[in-house]
Amino acid sequence: MTLIEEALEHLVTGIVDHKDDVVVRTKDLRRGSLIEVRVHPDDLGRVIGRSGRTASALRTVMGALAGGQNVRIDIVDTDRVP
């Protein structure tokens, strides 16, 4: 697990109620990396936040940690099929 994945998992785990359901995976794409965060359906609203502010803040912090690498973050609930 990379530093970015660990940091994102730590931040998301601090926000949610169902901490055991947080799963962070990285997929390498042609134009950079996709970090997929899966959370319990009840916690999806907490991670996204009002008007997407929490998700935007997470993306900003992860972008700063990436140091110029192209990183995309996708937040999904555990009910969605992989």
C-alpha atoms as a PDB file:
ATOM      1  CA  MET A   1       0.000   0.000   0.000  1.00  0.00           C
ATOM      2  CA  THR A   2       1.416   3.372  -1.005  1.00  0.00           C
ATOM      3  CA  LEU A   3       1.675   6.464   1.138  1.00  0.00           C
ATOM      4  CA  ILE A   4      -1.270   8.067  -0.656  1.00  0.00           C
ATOM      5  CA  GLU A   5      -3.467   5.004  -0.126  1.00  0.00           C
ATOM      6  CA  GLU A   6      -2.548   4.816   3.561  1.00  0.00           C
ATOM      7  CA  ALA A   7      -3.194   8.514   4.102  1.00  0.00           C
ATOM      8  CA  LEU A   8      -6.545   8.381   2.311  1.00  0.00           C
ATOM      9  CA  GLU A   9      -7.621   5.294   4.265  1.00  0.00           C
ATOM     10  CA  HIS A  10      -6.631   7.008   7.526  1.00  0.00           C
ATOM     11  CA  LEU A  11      -8.609  10.146   6.693  1.00  0.00           C
ATOM     12  CA  VAL A  12     -11.716   8.273   5.521  1.00  0.00           C
ATOM     13  CA  THR A  13     -11.636   5.909   8.506  1.00  0.00           C
ATOM     14  CA  GLY A  14     -11.720   8.938  10.789  1.00  0.00           C
ATOM     15  CA  ILE A  15     -14.907  10.207   9.131  1.00  0.00           C
ATOM     16  CA  VAL A  16     -17.050   7.060   8.910  1.00  0.00           C
ATOM     17  CA  ASP A  17     -18.982   5.011  11.485  1.00  0.00           C
ATOM     18  CA  HIS A  18     -18.348   1.618   9.838  1.00  0.00           C
ATOM     19  CA  LYS A  19     -14.548   1.657   9.916  1.00  0.00           C
ATOM     20  CA  ASP A  20     -14.165  -2.020   8.971  1.00  0.00           C
ATOM     21  CA  ASP A  21     -15.962  -1.453   5.653  1.00  0.00           C
ATOM     22  CA  VAL A  22     -13.415   1.062   4.324  1.00  0.00           C
ATOM     23  CA  VAL A  23     -11.435  -0.402   1.427  1.00  0.00           C
ATOM     24  CA  VAL A  24      -8.898   1.573  -0.631  1.00  0.00           C
ATOM     25  CA  ARG A  25      -7.614   0.161  -3.939  1.00  0.00           C
ATOM     26  CA  THR A  26      -5.414   1.620  -6.650  1.00  0.00           C
ATOM     27  CA  LYS A  27      -5.783   0.932 -10.347  1.00  0.00           C
ATOM     28  CA  ASP A  28      -3.094   2.085 -12.748  1.00  0.00           C
ATOM     29  CA  LEU A  29      -4.485   3.714 -15.867  1.00  0.00           C
ATOM     30  CA  ARG A  30      -2.808   5.183 -18.953  1.00  0.00           C
ATOM     31  CA  ARG A  31      -3.261   8.730 -17.723  1.00  0.00           C
ATOM     32  CA  GLY A  32      -2.332   8.145 -14.069  1.00  0.00           C
ATOM     33  CA  SER A  33      -3.799   6.283 -11.129  1.00  0.00           C
ATOM     34  CA  LEU A  34      -7.361   5.759  -9.949  1.00  0.00           C
ATOM     35  CA  ILE A  35      -7.774   5.354  -6.212  1.00  0.00           C
ATOM     36  CA  GLU A  36     -11.084   3.726  -5.407  1.00  0.00           C
ATOM     37  CA  VAL A  37     -12.530   4.178  -1.916  1.00  0.00           C
ATOM     38  CA  ARG A  38     -15.353   1.826  -0.917  1.00  0.00           C
ATOM     39  CA  VAL A  39     -17.432   2.648   2.159  1.00  0.00           C
ATOM     40  CA  HIS A  40     -20.588   1.342   3.792  1.00  0.00           C
ATOM     41  CA  PRO A  41     -23.761   2.773   2.165  1.00  0.00           C
ATOM     42  CA  ASP A  42     -24.670   4.543   5.426  1.00  0.00           C
ATOM     43  CA  ASP A  43     -21.324   6.380   5.399  1.00  0.00           C
ATOM     44  CA  LEU A  44     -21.420   7.512   1.779  1.00  0.00           C
ATOM     45  CA  GLY A  45     -22.999  10.856   2.669  1.00  0.00           C
ATOM     46  CA  ARG A  46     -20.382  11.521   5.342  1.00  0.00           C
ATOM     47  CA  VAL A  47     -17.504  10.937   2.946  1.00  0.00           C
ATOM     48  CA  ILE A  48     -19.040  13.023   0.158  1.00  0.00           C
ATOM     49  CA  GLY A  49     -20.242  15.807   2.475  1.00  0.00           C
ATOM     50  CA  ARG A  50     -22.593  18.685   1.757  1.00  0.00           C
ATOM     51  CA  SER A  51     -22.351  19.687  -1.886  1.00  0.00           C
ATOM     52  CA  GLY A  52     -19.305  17.417  -2.192  1.00  0.00           C
ATOM     53  CA  ARG A  53     -17.125  19.558   0.064  1.00  0.00           C
ATOM     54  CA  THR A  54     -15.597  16.689   2.043  1.00  0.00           C
ATOM     55  CA  ALA A  55     -14.825  14.698  -1.113  1.00  0.00           C
ATOM     56  CA  SER A  56     -13.315  17.795  -2.689  1.00  0.00           C
ATOM     57  CA  ALA A  57     -11.139  18.380   0.378  1.00  0.00           C
ATOM     58  CA  LEU A  58      -9.961  14.747   0.310  1.00  0.00           C
ATOM     59  CA  ARG A  59      -9.095  15.087  -3.379  1.00  0.00           C
ATOM     60  CA  THR A  60      -7.168  18.305  -2.711  1.00  0.00           C
ATOM     61  CA  VAL A  61      -5.111  16.750   0.088  1.00  0.00           C
ATOM     62  CA  MET A  62      -4.396  13.617  -1.957  1.00  0.00           C
ATOM     63  CA  GLY A  63      -3.407  15.751  -4.954  1.00  0.00           C
ATOM     64  CA  ALA A  64      -0.907  17.592  -2.777  1.00  0.00           C
ATOM     65  CA  LEU A  65       0.509  14.303  -1.473  1.00  0.00           C
ATOM     66  CA  ALA A  66       0.770  12.938  -5.023  1.00  0.00           C
ATOM     67  CA  GLY A  67       3.315  15.633  -5.853  1.00  0.00           C
ATOM     68  CA  GLY A  68       2.330  16.303  -9.444  1.00  0.00           C
ATOM     69  CA  GLN A  69       1.288  12.770 -10.356  1.00  0.00           C
ATOM     70  CA  ASN A  70      -2.100  12.432 -12.010  1.00  0.00           C
ATOM     71  CA  VAL A  71      -4.312  10.805  -9.334  1.00  0.00           C
ATOM     72  CA  ARG A  72      -8.087  10.446  -9.507  1.00  0.00           C
ATOM     73  CA  ILE A  73     -10.226   9.461  -6.504  1.00  0.00           C
ATOM     74  CA  ASP A  74     -13.530   7.632  -6.870  1.00  0.00           C
ATOM     75  CA  ILE A  75     -15.788   7.180  -3.835  1.00  0.00           C
ATOM     76  CA  VAL A  76     -18.285   4.299  -4.020  1.00  0.00           C
ATOM     77  CA  ASP A  77     -20.475   2.368  -1.585  1.00  0.00           C
ATOM     78  CA  THR A  78     -20.063  -1.352  -0.920  1.00  0.00           C
ATOM     79  CA  ASP A  79     -23.401  -2.166  -2.613  1.00  0.00           C
ATOM     80  CA  ARG A  80     -22.013  -1.185  -6.012  1.00  0.00           C
ATOM     81  CA  VAL A  81     -20.634  -4.056  -8.067  1.00  0.00           C
ATOM     82  CA  PRO A  82     -16.827  -3.867  -8.622  1.00  0.00           C
END
